[in-house]
Amino acid sequence: MAARDQLRAHFLKNIGRVMKSGELRRVAGNITEWARRVRELRNEEGYQILTHNDRSDLKPGEYLLEEAKPRPAIARSISKELRAFILDRNGFTCQMCGAVAGEDHPYDTGRKTRLHIGHRIDISAGGDNSAGNLFAVCSVCNEGARNLTPDRPSVSKLLIQIRRASAKEQREVLAWLQKKYGRSKA
């Protein structure tokens, strides 16, 4: 039985009981993607699996299914081609914190950055799956984002931050820009 099926069966057998992440990991067969399977149950199948983001009495790492009947799930299909376009357009970089895909995450030590596709205006608030409404977001920012619209920093704000940095950090920024865009011939 697949991990998602095992998790669904476990949640349905334990309606109303708070379950911890370790228990769910074991149920899913100790796979690293168990949390993604839980999100799929919530987002794709409509099960109202609650976490500390939904109820203040739940602690981080605790999950609760209150009722067996799923609600209609919102279709969020984004084609592989559109996903690839968004990631490439955004330089394989989280548009909220700047973390780069595959590198160590700056705010979540010990984990590599994984990028997802986020909505500027969430589907539930009338947004769509058009390229203009989509952006790259890391799993850390995506977990806390829930219907937030990230603002891009203006050029003047970026320059102010770079000017405030040490000379060594400014050289690192220059080296990164040269690597990303090639050396200027000017």
C-alpha atoms as a PDB file:
ATOM      1  CA  MET A   1       0.000   0.000   0.000  1.00  0.00           C
ATOM      2  CA  ALA A   2       1.339   3.462  -0.915  1.00  0.00           C
ATOM      3  CA  ALA A   3       2.312   5.909   1.838  1.00  0.00           C
ATOM      4  CA  ARG A   4      -0.605   8.250   1.057  1.00  0.00           C
ATOM      5  CA  ASP A   5      -3.072   5.359   1.297  1.00  0.00           C
ATOM      6  CA  GLN A   6      -1.563   4.247   4.606  1.00  0.00           C
ATOM      7  CA  LEU A   7      -1.766   7.779   6.012  1.00  0.00           C
ATOM      8  CA  ARG A   8      -5.380   8.221   4.830  1.00  0.00           C
ATOM      9  CA  ALA A   9      -6.395   4.934   6.501  1.00  0.00           C
ATOM     10  CA  HIS A  10      -4.586   5.895   9.720  1.00  0.00           C
ATOM     11  CA  PHE A  11      -6.225   9.330   9.879  1.00  0.00           C
ATOM     12  CA  LEU A  12      -9.661   7.795   9.253  1.00  0.00           C
ATOM     13  CA  LYS A  13      -9.107   5.223  12.039  1.00  0.00           C
ATOM     14  CA  ASN A  14      -8.064   8.002  14.431  1.00  0.00           C
ATOM     15  CA  ILE A  15     -10.606  10.769  13.824  1.00  0.00           C
ATOM     16  CA  GLY A  16     -10.530  13.303  16.653  1.00  0.00           C
ATOM     17  CA  ARG A  17      -7.185  12.094  18.054  1.00  0.00           C
ATOM     18  CA  VAL A  18      -4.106  14.311  17.913  1.00  0.00           C
ATOM     19  CA  MET A  19      -1.226  12.535  16.167  1.00  0.00           C
ATOM     20  CA  LYS A  20       2.436  13.527  16.227  1.00  0.00           C
ATOM     21  CA  SER A  21       4.741  13.707  13.226  1.00  0.00           C
ATOM     22  CA  GLY A  22       6.842  10.724  14.361  1.00  0.00           C
ATOM     23  CA  GLU A  23       3.771   8.502  14.417  1.00  0.00           C
ATOM     24  CA  LEU A  24       2.753   9.627  10.910  1.00  0.00           C
ATOM     25  CA  ARG A  25       6.296   9.102   9.619  1.00  0.00           C
ATOM     26  CA  ARG A  26       6.218   5.498  10.899  1.00  0.00           C
ATOM     27  CA  VAL A  27       2.772   4.900   9.371  1.00  0.00           C
ATOM     28  CA  ALA A  28       4.075   6.134   6.007  1.00  0.00           C
ATOM     29  CA  GLY A  29       6.941   3.647   6.176  1.00  0.00           C
ATOM     30  CA  ASN A  30       9.600   6.122   7.361  1.00  0.00           C
ATOM     31  CA  ILE A  31       9.752   7.837   3.976  1.00  0.00           C
ATOM     32  CA  THR A  32      11.158  11.369   3.894  1.00  0.00           C
ATOM     33  CA  GLU A  33       8.185  12.644   1.874  1.00  0.00           C
ATOM     34  CA  TRP A  34       5.522  11.740   4.476  1.00  0.00           C
ATOM     35  CA  ALA A  35       4.618  15.410   5.121  1.00  0.00           C
ATOM     36  CA  ARG A  36       4.035  15.935   1.404  1.00  0.00           C
ATOM     37  CA  ARG A  37       1.626  12.986   1.400  1.00  0.00           C
ATOM     38  CA  VAL A  38      -0.274  14.628   4.298  1.00  0.00           C
ATOM     39  CA  ARG A  39      -0.478  17.887   2.290  1.00  0.00           C
ATOM     40  CA  GLU A  40      -1.758  15.915  -0.692  1.00  0.00           C
ATOM     41  CA  LEU A  41      -4.511  14.421   1.477  1.00  0.00           C
ATOM     42  CA  ARG A  42      -5.414  17.946   2.545  1.00  0.00           C
ATOM     43  CA  ASN A  43      -5.018  19.795  -0.765  1.00  0.00           C
ATOM     44  CA  GLU A  44      -5.892  17.195  -3.391  1.00  0.00           C
ATOM     45  CA  GLU A  45      -8.393  15.016  -1.556  1.00  0.00           C
ATOM     46  CA  GLY A  46      -9.964  17.679   0.670  1.00  0.00           C
ATOM     47  CA  TYR A  47      -9.418  16.084   4.096  1.00  0.00           C
ATOM     48  CA  GLN A  48      -9.442  18.762   6.796  1.00  0.00           C
ATOM     49  CA  ILE A  49      -6.224  17.733   8.524  1.00  0.00           C
ATOM     50  CA  LEU A  50      -5.501  20.469  11.045  1.00  0.00           C
ATOM     51  CA  THR A  51      -2.095  21.649  12.307  1.00  0.00           C
ATOM     52  CA  HIS A  52      -0.809  24.403  14.609  1.00  0.00           C
ATOM     53  CA  ASN A  53      -1.426  26.815  11.702  1.00  0.00           C
ATOM     54  CA  ASP A  54      -5.145  26.052  11.959  1.00  0.00           C
ATOM     55  CA  ARG A  55      -5.701  25.666  15.717  1.00  0.00           C
ATOM     56  CA  SER A  56      -3.813  27.327  18.527  1.00  0.00           C
ATOM     57  CA  ASP A  57      -4.185  24.323  20.835  1.00  0.00           C
ATOM     58  CA  LEU A  58      -2.106  22.162  18.462  1.00  0.00           C
ATOM     59  CA  LYS A  59       1.668  22.277  18.787  1.00  0.00           C
ATOM     60  CA  PRO A  60       4.046  22.183  15.807  1.00  0.00           C
ATOM     61  CA  GLY A  61       4.282  18.588  14.605  1.00  0.00           C
ATOM     62  CA  GLU A  62       0.749  17.689  15.724  1.00  0.00           C
ATOM     63  CA  TYR A  63      -2.020  16.757  13.296  1.00  0.00           C
ATOM     64  CA  LEU A  64      -5.749  16.234  13.748  1.00  0.00           C
ATOM     65  CA  LEU A  65      -8.513  15.012  11.455  1.00  0.00           C
ATOM     66  CA  GLU A  66     -11.865  16.099  12.938  1.00  0.00           C
ATOM     67  CA  GLU A  67     -14.249  14.503  10.436  1.00  0.00           C
ATOM     68  CA  ALA A  68     -14.102  11.712   7.883  1.00  0.00           C
ATOM     69  CA  LYS A  69     -15.894  13.491   5.057  1.00  0.00           C
ATOM     70  CA  PRO A  70     -13.516  15.428   2.800  1.00  0.00           C
ATOM     71  CA  ARG A  71     -14.495  18.830   1.435  1.00  0.00           C
ATOM     72  CA  PRO A  72     -14.268  19.485  -2.287  1.00  0.00           C
ATOM     73  CA  ALA A  73     -10.608  20.031  -3.118  1.00  0.00           C
ATOM     74  CA  ILE A  74      -9.507  22.982  -5.225  1.00  0.00           C
ATOM     75  CA  ALA A  75      -7.800  21.880  -8.428  1.00  0.00           C
ATOM     76  CA  ARG A  76      -4.294  23.360  -8.561  1.00  0.00           C
ATOM     77  CA  SER A  77      -2.849  21.694 -11.603  1.00  0.00           C
ATOM     78  CA  ILE A  78       0.188  23.475 -13.001  1.00  0.00           C
ATOM     79  CA  SER A  79       1.773  21.859 -16.039  1.00  0.00           C
ATOM     80  CA  LYS A  80       5.389  20.716 -15.939  1.00  0.00           C
ATOM     81  CA  GLU A  81       6.167  23.218 -18.692  1.00  0.00           C
ATOM     82  CA  LEU A  82       4.662  26.150 -16.764  1.00  0.00           C
ATOM     83  CA  ARG A  83       6.428  25.046 -13.577  1.00  0.00           C
ATOM     84  CA  ALA A  84       9.766  24.897 -15.425  1.00  0.00           C
ATOM     85  CA  PHE A  85       9.117  28.350 -16.947  1.00  0.00           C
ATOM     86  CA  ILE A  86       8.348  29.895 -13.520  1.00  0.00           C
ATOM     87  CA  LEU A  87      11.424  28.344 -11.883  1.00  0.00           C
ATOM     88  CA  ASP A  88      13.670  29.501 -14.735  1.00  0.00           C
ATOM     89  CA  ARG A  89      12.126  32.989 -14.772  1.00  0.00           C
ATOM     90  CA  ASN A  90      12.736  33.296 -11.028  1.00  0.00           C
ATOM     91  CA  GLY A  91      16.329  32.042 -11.331  1.00  0.00           C
ATOM     92  CA  PHE A  92      15.595  28.887  -9.269  1.00  0.00           C
ATOM     93  CA  THR A  93      15.464  31.220  -6.255  1.00  0.00           C
ATOM     94  CA  CYS A  94      12.792  31.687  -3.586  1.00  0.00           C
ATOM     95  CA  GLN A  95      11.153  35.031  -4.269  1.00  0.00           C
ATOM     96  CA  MET A  96      10.480  35.595  -0.568  1.00  0.00           C
ATOM     97  CA  CYS A  97      13.800  34.843   1.163  1.00  0.00           C
ATOM     98  CA  GLY A  98      16.264  34.446  -1.720  1.00  0.00           C
ATOM     99  CA  ALA A  99      17.233  30.830  -0.965  1.00  0.00           C
ATOM    100  CA  VAL A 100      18.583  28.963  -4.010  1.00  0.00           C
ATOM    101  CA  ALA A 101      17.275  25.534  -5.000  1.00  0.00           C
ATOM    102  CA  GLY A 102      19.545  22.677  -3.941  1.00  0.00           C
ATOM    103  CA  GLU A 103      21.763  24.786  -1.680  1.00  0.00           C
ATOM    104  CA  ASP A 104      21.660  24.695   2.123  1.00  0.00           C
ATOM    105  CA  HIS A 105      18.680  26.735   3.285  1.00  0.00           C
ATOM    106  CA  PRO A 106      19.827  29.919   5.074  1.00  0.00           C
ATOM    107  CA  TYR A 107      17.063  29.789   7.717  1.00  0.00           C
ATOM    108  CA  ASP A 108      16.600  26.041   8.121  1.00  0.00           C
ATOM    109  CA  THR A 109      20.057  24.615   8.727  1.00  0.00           C
ATOM    110  CA  GLY A 110      20.707  21.047   7.735  1.00  0.00           C
ATOM    111  CA  ARG A 111      18.147  21.059   4.912  1.00  0.00           C
ATOM    112  CA  LYS A 112      18.573  21.722   1.229  1.00  0.00           C
ATOM    113  CA  THR A 113      16.286  24.336  -0.320  1.00  0.00           C
ATOM    114  CA  ARG A 114      13.283  22.856  -2.127  1.00  0.00           C
ATOM    115  CA  LEU A 115      11.264  25.141  -4.350  1.00  0.00           C
ATOM    116  CA  HIS A 116       7.533  25.058  -4.929  1.00  0.00           C
ATOM    117  CA  ILE A 117       5.281  27.177  -7.087  1.00  0.00           C
ATOM    118  CA  GLY A 118       3.238  29.704  -5.104  1.00  0.00           C
ATOM    119  CA  HIS A 119       0.333  31.952  -6.029  1.00  0.00           C
ATOM    120  CA  ARG A 120       0.552  35.736  -5.580  1.00  0.00           C
ATOM    121  CA  ILE A 121      -3.229  35.762  -5.251  1.00  0.00           C
ATOM    122  CA  ASP A 122      -4.333  32.388  -3.889  1.00  0.00           C
ATOM    123  CA  ILE A 123      -6.866  30.302  -5.811  1.00  0.00           C
ATOM    124  CA  SER A 124      -9.212  30.545  -2.813  1.00  0.00           C
ATOM    125  CA  ALA A 125      -9.090  34.352  -3.116  1.00  0.00           C
ATOM    126  CA  GLY A 126      -9.850  34.387  -6.836  1.00  0.00           C
ATOM    127  CA  GLY A 127      -6.338  33.932  -8.244  1.00  0.00           C
ATOM    128  CA  ASP A 128      -5.493  31.677 -11.160  1.00  0.00           C
ATOM    129  CA  ASN A 129      -2.680  29.517 -12.495  1.00  0.00           C
ATOM    130  CA  SER A 130      -1.404  32.087 -15.009  1.00  0.00           C
ATOM    131  CA  ALA A 131       2.324  32.783 -15.201  1.00  0.00           C
ATOM    132  CA  GLY A 132       1.782  36.321 -13.895  1.00  0.00           C
ATOM    133  CA  ASN A 133       0.202  34.972 -10.702  1.00  0.00           C
ATOM    134  CA  LEU A 134       2.847  32.309 -10.009  1.00  0.00           C
ATOM    135  CA  PHE A 135       6.282  32.543  -8.397  1.00  0.00           C
ATOM    136  CA  ALA A 136       8.989  30.281  -6.955  1.00  0.00           C
ATOM    137  CA  VAL A 137       8.880  29.865  -3.171  1.00  0.00           C
ATOM    138  CA  CYS A 138      10.911  27.593  -0.899  1.00  0.00           C
ATOM    139  CA  SER A 139       9.240  25.075   1.408  1.00  0.00           C
ATOM    140  CA  VAL A 140      10.164  27.114   4.502  1.00  0.00           C
ATOM    141  CA  CYS A 141       8.512  30.315   3.238  1.00  0.00           C
ATOM    142  CA  ASN A 142       5.643  28.381   1.652  1.00  0.00           C
ATOM    143  CA  GLU A 143       4.729  26.794   4.993  1.00  0.00           C
ATOM    144  CA  GLY A 144       4.157  30.196   6.588  1.00  0.00           C
ATOM    145  CA  ALA A 145       2.965  32.067   3.503  1.00  0.00           C
ATOM    146  CA  ARG A 146      -0.694  31.059   3.365  1.00  0.00           C
ATOM    147  CA  ASN A 147      -2.314  33.676   1.157  1.00  0.00           C
ATOM    148  CA  LEU A 148       0.429  36.293   1.472  1.00  0.00           C
ATOM    149  CA  THR A 149       1.493  38.359  -1.496  1.00  0.00           C
ATOM    150  CA  PRO A 150       5.269  38.850  -1.499  1.00  0.00           C
ATOM    151  CA  ASP A 151       6.526  42.267  -2.541  1.00  0.00           C
ATOM    152  CA  ARG A 152       9.721  42.424  -4.551  1.00  0.00           C
ATOM    153  CA  PRO A 153      12.315  44.821  -3.181  1.00  0.00           C
ATOM    154  CA  SER A 154      12.871  47.937  -5.278  1.00  0.00           C
ATOM    155  CA  VAL A 155      16.248  48.594  -6.877  1.00  0.00           C
ATOM    156  CA  SER A 156      16.892  51.438  -4.440  1.00  0.00           C
ATOM    157  CA  LYS A 157      16.230  49.163  -1.431  1.00  0.00           C
ATOM    158  CA  LEU A 158      18.549  46.507  -2.860  1.00  0.00           C
ATOM    159  CA  LEU A 159      21.292  49.057  -3.440  1.00  0.00           C
ATOM    160  CA  ILE A 160      20.895  50.411   0.095  1.00  0.00           C
ATOM    161  CA  GLN A 161      21.316  46.895   1.497  1.00  0.00           C
ATOM    162  CA  ILE A 162      24.366  46.238  -0.676  1.00  0.00           C
ATOM    163  CA  ARG A 163      25.938  49.561   0.351  1.00  0.00           C
ATOM    164  CA  ARG A 164      25.423  48.654   4.018  1.00  0.00           C
ATOM    165  CA  ALA A 165      27.241  45.351   3.541  1.00  0.00           C
ATOM    166  CA  SER A 166      30.962  44.929   4.129  1.00  0.00           C
ATOM    167  CA  ALA A 167      33.372  45.225   1.198  1.00  0.00           C
ATOM    168  CA  LYS A 168      33.844  41.439   1.257  1.00  0.00           C
ATOM    169  CA  GLU A 169      30.076  40.861   1.040  1.00  0.00           C
ATOM    170  CA  GLN A 170      29.787  43.448  -1.757  1.00  0.00           C
ATOM    171  CA  ARG A 171      32.461  41.554  -3.720  1.00  0.00           C
ATOM    172  CA  GLU A 172      30.491  38.320  -3.178  1.00  0.00           C
ATOM    173  CA  VAL A 173      27.373  40.014  -4.602  1.00  0.00           C
ATOM    174  CA  LEU A 174      29.380  41.262  -7.585  1.00  0.00           C
ATOM    175  CA  ALA A 175      30.853  37.800  -8.184  1.00  0.00           C
ATOM    176  CA  TRP A 176      27.385  36.231  -8.010  1.00  0.00           C
ATOM    177  CA  LEU A 177      25.947  38.794 -10.473  1.00  0.00           C
ATOM    178  CA  GLN A 178      28.859  38.268 -12.853  1.00  0.00           C
ATOM    179  CA  LYS A 179      28.399  34.508 -12.677  1.00  0.00           C
ATOM    180  CA  LYS A 180      24.648  34.775 -13.223  1.00  0.00           C
ATOM    181  CA  TYR A 181      24.703  37.380 -16.021  1.00  0.00           C
ATOM    182  CA  GLY A 182      28.225  37.088 -17.388  1.00  0.00           C
ATOM    183  CA  ARG A 183      30.979  39.683 -17.220  1.00  0.00           C
ATOM    184  CA  SER A 184      30.091  43.119 -18.549  1.00  0.00           C
ATOM    185  CA  LYS A 185      32.063  44.368 -21.526  1.00  0.00           C
ATOM    186  CA  ALA A 186      31.768  47.970 -20.386  1.00  0.00           C
END
